[in-house]
Protein backbone atom coordinates (compact mmCIF):
# COMPACT_ATOMS: atom_id res chain seq x y z
CA MET A 1 -0.02 0.05 -0.01
CA GLN A 2 2.71 2.40 0.91
CA GLN A 3 4.63 1.79 -2.31
CA TYR A 4 1.35 1.97 -4.31
CA PHE A 5 0.68 5.50 -3.15
CA ALA A 6 4.39 6.44 -2.98
CA PHE A 7 4.10 8.05 0.51
CA GLU A 8 7.85 8.65 0.74
CA LYS A 9 8.00 10.18 -2.70
CA ASN A 10 5.23 12.65 -1.71
CA GLY A 11 6.61 13.28 1.71
CA THR A 12 3.59 11.81 3.51
CA SER A 13 2.60 8.99 5.76
CA TYR A 14 -0.38 6.94 6.74
CA ARG A 15 -1.01 9.08 9.76
CA GLN A 16 -0.91 12.29 7.72
CA GLU A 17 -3.22 10.92 5.05
CA LEU A 18 -5.66 9.70 7.64
CA ILE A 19 -5.97 13.03 9.29
CA ALA A 20 -6.21 14.64 5.88
CA GLY A 21 -9.11 12.30 4.91
CA PHE A 22 -10.97 13.05 8.18
CA THR A 23 -10.53 16.78 7.56
CA THR A 24 -11.83 16.66 3.99
CA PHE A 25 -14.76 14.64 5.12
CA LEU A 26 -15.76 17.03 7.85
CA THR A 27 -15.53 20.07 5.64
CA MET A 28 -17.93 18.43 2.99
CA ALA A 29 -20.24 16.24 5.10
CA TYR A 30 -22.90 18.78 4.83
CA ILE A 31 -23.69 17.56 1.36
CA ILE A 32 -25.26 14.44 2.95
CA VAL A 33 -27.99 16.62 4.37
CA ILE A 34 -28.16 19.53 1.87
CA ASN A 35 -28.29 17.60 -1.40
CA PRO A 36 -31.39 15.55 -0.49
CA ALA A 37 -32.98 18.69 0.98
CA ILE A 38 -32.77 20.53 -2.43
CA LEU A 39 -33.54 17.46 -4.55
CA GLU A 40 -36.84 17.01 -2.40
CA ALA A 41 -38.12 20.03 -4.23
CA ALA A 42 -37.91 18.04 -7.48
CA GLY A 43 -39.95 15.37 -5.94
CA ILE A 44 -37.03 12.88 -5.17
CA PRO A 45 -37.74 11.19 -1.77
CA LYS A 46 -35.53 12.51 0.90
CA GLY A 47 -34.53 9.24 2.44
CA PRO A 48 -33.43 7.29 -0.68
CA SER A 49 -31.87 10.60 -1.92
CA MET A 50 -29.69 10.66 1.03
CA THR A 51 -28.58 7.22 0.42
CA ALA A 52 -27.82 7.95 -3.31
CA THR A 53 -25.82 11.04 -2.17
CA ILE A 54 -23.59 8.96 -0.02
CA VAL A 55 -23.31 6.14 -2.36
CA SER A 56 -22.42 8.37 -5.32
CA ALA A 57 -19.90 10.29 -3.15
CA ALA A 58 -18.25 7.11 -1.90
CA PHE A 59 -18.05 5.54 -5.32
CA GLY A 60 -16.61 8.61 -7.06
CA THR A 61 -14.14 9.34 -4.31
CA LEU A 62 -12.95 5.66 -4.20
CA VAL A 63 -12.32 5.75 -7.96
CA MET A 64 -10.39 8.91 -7.53
CA GLY A 65 -8.26 7.47 -4.89
CA ILE A 66 -7.51 4.02 -6.40
CA TYR A 67 -7.36 4.90 -10.02
CA ALA A 68 -6.36 8.57 -10.23
CA LYS A 69 -4.34 8.50 -6.93
CA ARG A 70 -5.29 12.02 -6.11
CA PRO A 71 -6.42 13.31 -2.71
CA PHE A 72 -9.66 14.75 -4.22
CA ALA A 73 -13.06 13.91 -2.97
CA ILE A 74 -16.20 13.66 -5.29
CA ALA A 75 -19.74 14.30 -4.34
CA PRO A 76 -22.79 15.83 -5.94
CA TYR A 77 -22.29 19.41 -6.85
CA MET A 78 -23.99 22.35 -5.34
CA GLY A 79 -25.58 24.58 -7.93
CA GLU A 80 -26.09 21.74 -10.40
CA ASN A 81 -28.51 20.12 -7.92
CA ALA A 82 -30.38 23.47 -7.50
CA PHE A 83 -30.51 23.80 -11.39
CA ILE A 84 -32.21 20.41 -11.66
CA ALA A 85 -34.65 20.90 -8.80
CA TYR A 86 -35.70 24.53 -9.16
CA THR A 87 -35.23 25.09 -12.88
CA VAL A 88 -35.50 21.78 -14.88
CA VAL A 89 -38.27 20.30 -12.73
CA LYS A 90 -40.10 23.16 -11.11
CA VAL A 91 -39.91 25.83 -13.84
CA MET A 92 -39.45 23.86 -17.07
CA GLY A 93 -41.74 21.06 -15.99
CA TYR A 94 -39.58 18.00 -16.67
CA PRO A 95 -40.07 14.98 -14.39
CA TRP A 96 -36.98 14.25 -12.21
CA GLN A 97 -36.62 10.98 -14.02
CA THR A 98 -35.96 12.87 -17.30
CA ALA A 99 -33.50 15.22 -15.51
CA LEU A 100 -31.48 12.27 -14.25
CA GLY A 101 -31.54 10.96 -17.93
CA ALA A 102 -30.11 14.23 -19.04
CA ILE A 103 -27.34 14.09 -16.33
CA PHE A 104 -26.48 10.44 -17.57
CA LEU A 105 -26.12 11.61 -21.12
CA ALA A 106 -23.89 14.50 -20.04
CA GLY A 107 -21.92 11.90 -18.21
CA VAL A 108 -21.54 9.90 -21.41
CA LEU A 109 -20.34 12.98 -23.19
CA PHE A 110 -17.92 13.65 -20.38
CA THR A 111 -16.48 10.12 -20.67
CA LEU A 112 -16.16 10.23 -24.44
CA LEU A 113 -14.42 13.59 -24.36
CA THR A 114 -12.05 12.43 -21.73
CA VAL A 115 -11.17 9.27 -23.51
CA LEU A 116 -10.62 11.35 -26.63
CA ARG A 117 -8.52 13.77 -24.60
CA VAL A 118 -10.72 16.71 -25.76
CA ARG A 119 -11.80 17.86 -22.36
CA GLY A 120 -8.39 19.53 -21.55
CA TRP A 121 -8.65 21.62 -24.77
CA LEU A 122 -12.18 22.58 -24.16
CA ALA A 123 -11.29 23.86 -20.66
CA GLY A 124 -9.90 27.06 -22.01
CA ALA A 125 -12.78 27.65 -24.60
CA ILE A 126 -15.12 29.25 -22.17
CA PRO A 127 -14.36 32.92 -21.57
CA LEU A 128 -13.08 33.71 -17.97
CA ASN A 129 -15.83 36.45 -17.50
CA LEU A 130 -18.45 33.63 -17.91
CA LYS A 131 -16.70 31.38 -15.60
CA TYR A 132 -16.75 34.00 -12.96
CA SER A 133 -20.48 35.00 -13.66
CA PHE A 134 -21.54 31.38 -13.56
CA ALA A 135 -20.22 31.06 -10.02
CA VAL A 136 -21.53 34.44 -8.89
CA GLY A 137 -25.02 33.78 -10.31
CA ILE A 138 -25.34 30.44 -8.78
CA GLY A 139 -24.17 31.73 -5.47
CA LEU A 140 -26.88 34.36 -5.30
CA PHE A 141 -29.34 31.73 -6.45
CA LEU A 142 -28.49 29.45 -3.62
CA THR A 143 -28.51 32.40 -1.17
CA PHE A 144 -32.06 33.18 -2.07
CA ILE A 145 -33.20 29.60 -1.73
CA GLY A 146 -31.44 29.54 1.79
CA LEU A 147 -33.11 32.69 2.81
CA ASN A 148 -36.48 31.43 1.68
CA GLU A 149 -35.96 28.06 3.37
CA VAL A 150 -35.25 29.61 6.82
CA GLY A 151 -38.06 32.14 6.55
CA VAL A 152 -36.11 35.33 6.36
CA VAL A 153 -37.52 35.94 2.76
CA THR A 154 -41.09 35.02 1.89
CA LEU A 155 -43.28 35.41 -1.23
CA GLY A 156 -44.91 38.78 -1.37
CA VAL A 157 -47.59 40.35 -3.51
CA PRO A 158 -47.71 41.24 -7.16
CA GLY A 159 -46.28 44.69 -6.64
CA ALA A 160 -43.55 43.34 -4.33
CA PRO A 161 -42.69 39.64 -5.34
CA VAL A 162 -40.81 38.99 -2.09
CA SER A 163 -40.97 40.37 1.47
CA LEU A 164 -39.32 40.01 4.83
CA GLY A 165 -40.37 37.11 6.87
CA ARG A 166 -41.37 36.93 10.49
CA LEU A 167 -38.08 37.44 12.28
CA SER A 168 -39.48 36.74 15.66
CA SER A 169 -40.41 33.15 14.69
CA PRO A 170 -38.35 30.56 16.58
CA THR A 171 -37.30 28.84 13.48
CA VAL A 172 -35.93 32.01 12.02
CA LEU A 173 -34.10 32.94 15.16
CA LEU A 174 -32.40 29.41 15.31
CA ALA A 175 -31.45 29.90 11.65
CA VAL A 176 -29.90 33.32 12.34
CA PHE A 177 -28.06 31.83 15.31
CA GLY A 178 -26.91 28.92 13.08
CA PHE A 179 -25.73 31.32 10.42
CA GLY A 180 -23.75 33.39 12.92
CA MET A 181 -22.07 30.20 14.36
CA MET A 182 -21.17 28.84 10.95
CA ALA A 183 -19.66 32.26 9.86
CA TRP A 184 -17.68 32.60 13.04
CA LEU A 185 -16.40 28.87 12.89
CA THR A 186 -15.55 29.38 9.10
CA ALA A 187 -13.73 32.66 9.78
CA LYS A 188 -11.68 30.72 12.39
CA ARG A 189 -10.88 28.01 9.87
CA VAL A 190 -12.42 25.31 12.05
CA ALA A 191 -12.58 21.97 10.14
CA GLY A 192 -16.25 20.97 9.61
CA ALA A 193 -17.65 24.45 10.46
CA LEU A 194 -20.77 24.01 8.40
CA MET A 195 -21.57 20.55 9.69
CA ILE A 196 -21.03 21.64 13.24
CA GLY A 197 -23.46 24.51 12.71
CA ILE A 198 -26.14 22.14 11.22
CA LEU A 199 -25.87 19.72 14.20
CA ALA A 200 -25.88 22.54 16.71
CA VAL A 201 -29.08 24.06 15.26
CA THR A 202 -30.72 20.71 14.88
CA LEU A 203 -29.86 19.77 18.65
CA LEU A 204 -31.35 23.09 19.81
CA SER A 205 -34.48 22.59 17.65
CA VAL A 206 -34.98 19.06 19.34
CA VAL A 207 -34.30 20.48 22.83
CA ILE A 208 -36.89 23.36 22.27
CA GLY A 209 -39.33 20.95 20.97
CA ILE A 210 -39.51 22.09 17.34
CA THR A 211 -38.09 18.97 15.90
CA PRO A 212 -39.06 15.57 17.07
CA LEU A 213 -36.18 13.01 17.86
CA PRO A 214 -36.05 9.99 15.75
CA THR A 215 -36.98 6.61 17.20
CA ARG A 216 -33.36 5.41 16.64
CA LEU A 217 -30.16 7.04 16.01
CA VAL A 218 -28.42 4.41 13.87
CA GLY A 219 -29.60 1.81 11.57
CA LEU A 220 -29.78 0.54 7.99
CA PRO A 221 -30.01 3.34 5.43
CA PRO A 222 -33.13 4.16 3.48
CA SER A 223 -33.65 1.93 0.47
CA LEU A 224 -32.60 3.01 -3.02
CA GLY A 225 -35.51 1.20 -4.43
CA PRO A 226 -37.80 4.17 -5.24
CA ILE A 227 -35.11 6.10 -7.24
CA PHE A 228 -32.52 3.39 -8.34
CA GLY A 229 -32.47 3.12 -12.10
CA GLN A 230 -35.41 5.48 -12.57
CA LEU A 231 -33.66 7.77 -15.13
CA ASP A 232 -35.51 8.36 -18.36
CA ILE A 233 -32.98 8.45 -21.01
CA VAL A 234 -35.31 8.25 -23.85
CA SER A 235 -37.19 11.41 -22.84
CA ALA A 236 -33.80 13.07 -22.26
CA LEU A 237 -32.88 12.36 -25.84
CA SER A 238 -35.73 14.49 -27.28
CA PRO A 239 -34.80 17.59 -28.99
CA LYS A 240 -36.79 19.62 -26.47
CA ALA A 241 -34.60 18.28 -23.60
CA LEU A 242 -31.34 18.77 -25.41
CA PRO A 243 -30.68 22.25 -23.93
CA VAL A 244 -30.81 20.64 -20.41
CA VAL A 245 -28.17 18.18 -21.32
CA LEU A 246 -25.95 20.79 -22.74
CA ILE A 247 -26.41 23.17 -19.72
CA VAL A 248 -25.65 20.33 -17.31
CA PHE A 249 -22.62 19.53 -19.18
CA VAL A 250 -21.33 23.13 -19.27
CA MET A 251 -21.97 23.65 -15.65
CA ALA A 252 -20.25 20.46 -14.55
CA PHE A 253 -17.38 21.09 -17.00
CA VAL A 254 -16.56 24.55 -15.64
CA ASP A 255 -16.82 23.37 -12.05
CA THR A 256 -14.59 20.35 -12.48
CA ILE A 257 -11.90 21.92 -14.59
CA GLY A 258 -11.51 24.99 -12.27
CA THR A 259 -11.64 22.71 -9.19
CA LEU A 260 -9.10 20.12 -10.48
CA ILE A 261 -6.60 22.79 -11.48
CA GLY A 262 -7.05 24.88 -8.39
CA LEU A 263 -6.57 21.92 -6.02
CA SER A 264 -3.66 20.53 -8.00
CA ALA A 265 -1.88 24.01 -7.79
CA ARG A 266 -2.29 23.92 -4.09
CA ALA A 267 -1.07 20.49 -3.68
CA GLY A 268 1.95 21.19 -5.97
CA PHE A 269 0.84 18.67 -8.74
CA LEU A 270 1.18 21.17 -11.68
CA ASP A 271 4.23 21.30 -13.92
CA GLU A 272 6.07 24.32 -14.87
CA LYS A 273 3.61 25.15 -17.62
CA GLY A 274 0.66 25.06 -15.23
CA ASN A 275 -0.54 21.62 -16.57
CA LEU A 276 -1.73 18.74 -14.43
CA PRO A 277 0.24 15.72 -15.62
CA ASP A 278 -2.02 12.72 -16.35
CA ILE A 279 -5.15 15.00 -15.97
CA GLU A 280 -7.09 12.35 -17.96
CA ARG A 281 -7.13 10.11 -14.82
CA PRO A 282 -8.95 12.43 -12.42
CA MET A 283 -11.11 13.65 -15.27
CA LEU A 284 -12.00 9.97 -16.04
CA ALA A 285 -12.74 9.37 -12.33
CA ASP A 286 -15.02 12.37 -12.46
CA ALA A 287 -16.65 11.25 -15.63
CA VAL A 288 -17.33 7.57 -14.46
CA SER A 289 -18.92 8.98 -11.22
CA ASN A 290 -21.28 11.10 -13.47
CA LEU A 291 -22.48 7.93 -15.02
CA VAL A 292 -23.20 6.26 -11.67
CA ALA A 293 -24.76 9.12 -9.88
CA PRO A 294 -28.02 9.28 -12.05
CA LEU A 295 -28.29 5.57 -11.96
CA VAL A 296 -28.50 5.55 -8.19
CA GLY A 297 -30.74 8.60 -8.21
CA THR A 298 -28.88 11.75 -7.72
CA THR A 299 -27.43 14.68 -9.68
CA THR A 300 -24.04 15.71 -11.20
CA THR A 301 -21.01 14.72 -9.15
CA GLY A 302 -17.52 16.09 -9.27
CA ALA A 303 -14.34 17.08 -7.53
CA TYR A 304 -14.98 19.16 -4.43
CA ILE A 305 -13.10 22.26 -3.64
CA GLU A 306 -13.39 21.32 0.14
CA SER A 307 -10.71 18.83 -0.64
CA ALA A 308 -8.36 21.70 -0.15
CA ALA A 309 -8.83 21.33 3.63
CA GLY A 310 -7.35 17.79 3.44
CA ILE A 311 -4.46 18.94 1.25
CA GLU A 312 -3.69 21.67 3.83
CA GLU A 313 -3.41 18.83 6.43
CA GLY A 314 -0.76 17.13 4.15
CA GLY A 315 -2.88 14.89 1.99
CA LYS A 316 -0.97 14.19 -1.23
CA THR A 317 -2.07 10.76 -2.42
CA GLY A 318 -5.10 8.74 -3.21
CA PHE A 319 -5.10 7.24 0.19
CA THR A 320 -6.71 10.46 1.55
CA ALA A 321 -9.55 9.98 -0.94
CA ILE A 322 -10.00 6.30 0.20
CA VAL A 323 -10.26 7.52 3.83
CA VAL A 324 -13.08 10.03 2.76
CA ALA A 325 -14.83 7.30 0.79
CA ALA A 326 -14.83 5.03 3.85
CA LEU A 327 -16.19 7.67 6.11
CA PHE A 328 -19.05 8.41 3.60
CA LEU A 329 -19.90 4.73 3.68
CA LEU A 330 -19.87 4.77 7.46
CA SER A 331 -22.33 7.67 7.43
CA LEU A 332 -24.91 5.41 5.78
CA PHE A 333 -25.67 3.84 9.18
CA LEU A 334 -26.32 7.33 10.71
CA SER A 335 -29.19 8.02 8.32
CA PRO A 336 -31.85 8.07 11.00
CA LEU A 337 -30.02 10.87 12.73
CA LEU A 338 -29.31 12.79 9.62
CA THR A 339 -32.78 12.74 8.25
CA ILE A 340 -34.26 14.76 11.09
CA VAL A 341 -32.24 17.79 10.13
CA PRO A 342 -34.80 20.70 9.65
CA SER A 343 -34.69 23.38 7.11
CA HIS A 344 -33.65 26.18 9.50
CA ALA A 345 -30.62 24.07 10.24
CA TYR A 346 -29.46 23.39 6.67
CA GLY A 347 -30.80 26.72 5.14
CA PRO A 348 -27.97 28.87 6.62
CA VAL A 349 -25.37 26.60 4.88
CA LEU A 350 -26.87 27.63 1.50
CA ILE A 351 -26.43 31.34 2.57
CA ILE A 352 -22.90 30.74 3.49
CA ILE A 353 -22.03 28.80 0.29
CA GLY A 354 -23.59 31.69 -1.62
CA CYS A 355 -21.23 34.03 0.25
CA PHE A 356 -18.30 31.91 -0.92
CA MET A 357 -19.46 31.76 -4.43
CA ILE A 358 -19.75 35.58 -5.11
CA LYS A 359 -15.91 36.09 -4.72
CA PRO A 360 -15.16 35.86 -8.49
CA VAL A 361 -17.17 39.13 -9.08
CA ALA A 362 -14.10 41.02 -8.00
CA LEU A 363 -12.23 39.43 -10.94
CA LEU A 364 -14.61 40.94 -13.61
CA ASP A 365 -13.14 43.53 -15.92
CA PHE A 366 -15.56 46.34 -15.21
CA ASP A 367 -13.82 48.57 -17.90
CA ASP A 368 -14.34 46.23 -20.76
CA HIS A 369 -18.11 46.22 -21.52
CA THR A 370 -17.86 43.29 -24.04
CA GLU A 371 -16.98 41.29 -20.85
CA LEU A 372 -18.98 43.06 -18.28
CA ILE A 373 -22.44 43.09 -19.92
CA PRO A 374 -22.53 39.28 -20.73
CA ALA A 375 -21.33 38.57 -17.10
CA PHE A 376 -24.00 40.88 -15.67
CA LEU A 377 -26.74 39.36 -17.77
CA THR A 378 -25.70 35.93 -16.51
CA ILE A 379 -25.72 37.00 -12.84
CA ALA A 380 -28.92 39.08 -13.05
CA LEU A 381 -30.93 36.55 -15.00
CA VAL A 382 -29.84 33.56 -12.93
CA SER A 383 -30.91 35.53 -9.80
CA PHE A 384 -34.01 37.32 -11.06
CA THR A 385 -35.59 34.71 -13.29
CA TYR A 386 -35.10 31.94 -10.67
CA ASN A 387 -33.62 29.98 -13.60
CA ILE A 388 -29.95 29.06 -13.87
CA GLY A 389 -30.39 27.95 -17.43
CA VAL A 390 -31.74 31.32 -18.57
CA GLY A 391 -28.87 33.13 -17.11
CA MET A 392 -26.19 30.89 -18.53
CA THR A 393 -27.75 30.94 -21.98
CA ALA A 394 -27.89 34.64 -22.05
CA GLY A 395 -24.33 34.93 -21.00
CA LEU A 396 -23.10 32.59 -23.78
CA LEU A 397 -25.23 34.15 -26.40
CA SER A 398 -24.10 37.71 -25.57
CA SER A 399 -20.43 36.91 -25.10
CA ARG A 400 -17.67 37.05 -27.67
CA PRO A 401 -17.02 33.89 -29.69
CA LEU A 402 -15.36 31.14 -27.64
CA THR A 403 -11.64 30.80 -28.30
CA PRO A 404 -9.56 28.16 -26.63
CA THR A 405 -6.73 29.42 -24.37
CA PRO A 406 -3.87 27.55 -22.99
CA SER A 407 -4.39 25.74 -19.89
CA ILE A 408 -1.96 28.00 -18.09
CA GLY A 409 -4.79 30.54 -18.25
CA VAL A 410 -6.94 28.28 -16.33
CA TYR A 411 -4.19 28.01 -13.71
CA HIS A 412 -3.99 31.69 -13.33
CA TYR A 413 -7.76 31.88 -13.16
CA CYS A 414 -7.50 29.57 -10.13
CA LEU A 415 -4.72 31.48 -8.55
CA ARG A 416 -6.62 34.76 -8.95
CA LEU A 417 -9.47 33.14 -7.17
CA ARG A 418 -7.14 32.21 -4.42
CA ARG A 419 -8.47 28.61 -4.62
CA CYS A 420 -4.88 27.24 -4.80
């Protein structure tokens, strides 16, 4: 095992990799609760969705660890899950089965482009201003969902579409407390800050009597039966659904490339030209996980930027990813405890994530209107139409023609975001 992961060559050890794996898991464990909560809006049952979230994360991360030998964790992406639930299903009216079929087709496209070594070339084809605006728009979109979930923002009247909620409500007060705790812990760089906040608010909600305790704290996970293999590929192949497939592909593509390059730069994996050697391996791990995720009943998966926390702890090899995968599998048996988490406990996480995601707005060139206007249209329409697809399409149509740039440009993009 030690020779397989080349611990000595990477200047690491079993103990260091174990600590790194635990740290990465703690920083991204919130996805176990948040992903099912978002997908429930699409009609996907919460219990089976939680199991699918864990299984897809464990599978993708294990492939990343064993095959790609990188310390990167894989899980369902935030943003993509919101796009499926709130845009594809609730606004466009597609059944969630068709949405999962579209994700599978995007996964097939991912795999083919990876095998043909085209994904690296395409990475530089999307203008940087759109990469920035995609992240900012989705961040504001998630923030709005979080504010609505906790009751701070509610539906208004025709003349004022939204209004301030009842701030004296116990659930709103708990959510505000949870947001403050998460923000403070995050500022202090405490590992697992978001998950700690979720658990603290849930516990307080149980103590106060708002949330009932489960009959048991551990047990077998909810069955995947209701959602396993329910994807509708035939409907997703229709010309009408083709834009959904393409948008899912573009969103996941941008996220994955930026995350892989950024994490690799921080870990010291990039060469002198800013390229990631054998990039096809982590990309293929990502692509294969995108084939499995819709099969088990969840949305687009990919490398998680939270893996940077484990890298900071010294994680350099695939053993870190294997530890993360094992911890995800262990969490399957905590599902009775995890399923009681109320919206006022996980809502603040969406607001915090939105806060993180607006950072790239500072990188937009406000003096170049050919870049600023497409970026602004993307951000504004994602936020104000409640439709991620509309914003992304507007940005792509109004932007300059796509021209591939060297991968070193993507590297500098990541550095400027201080993701590395």
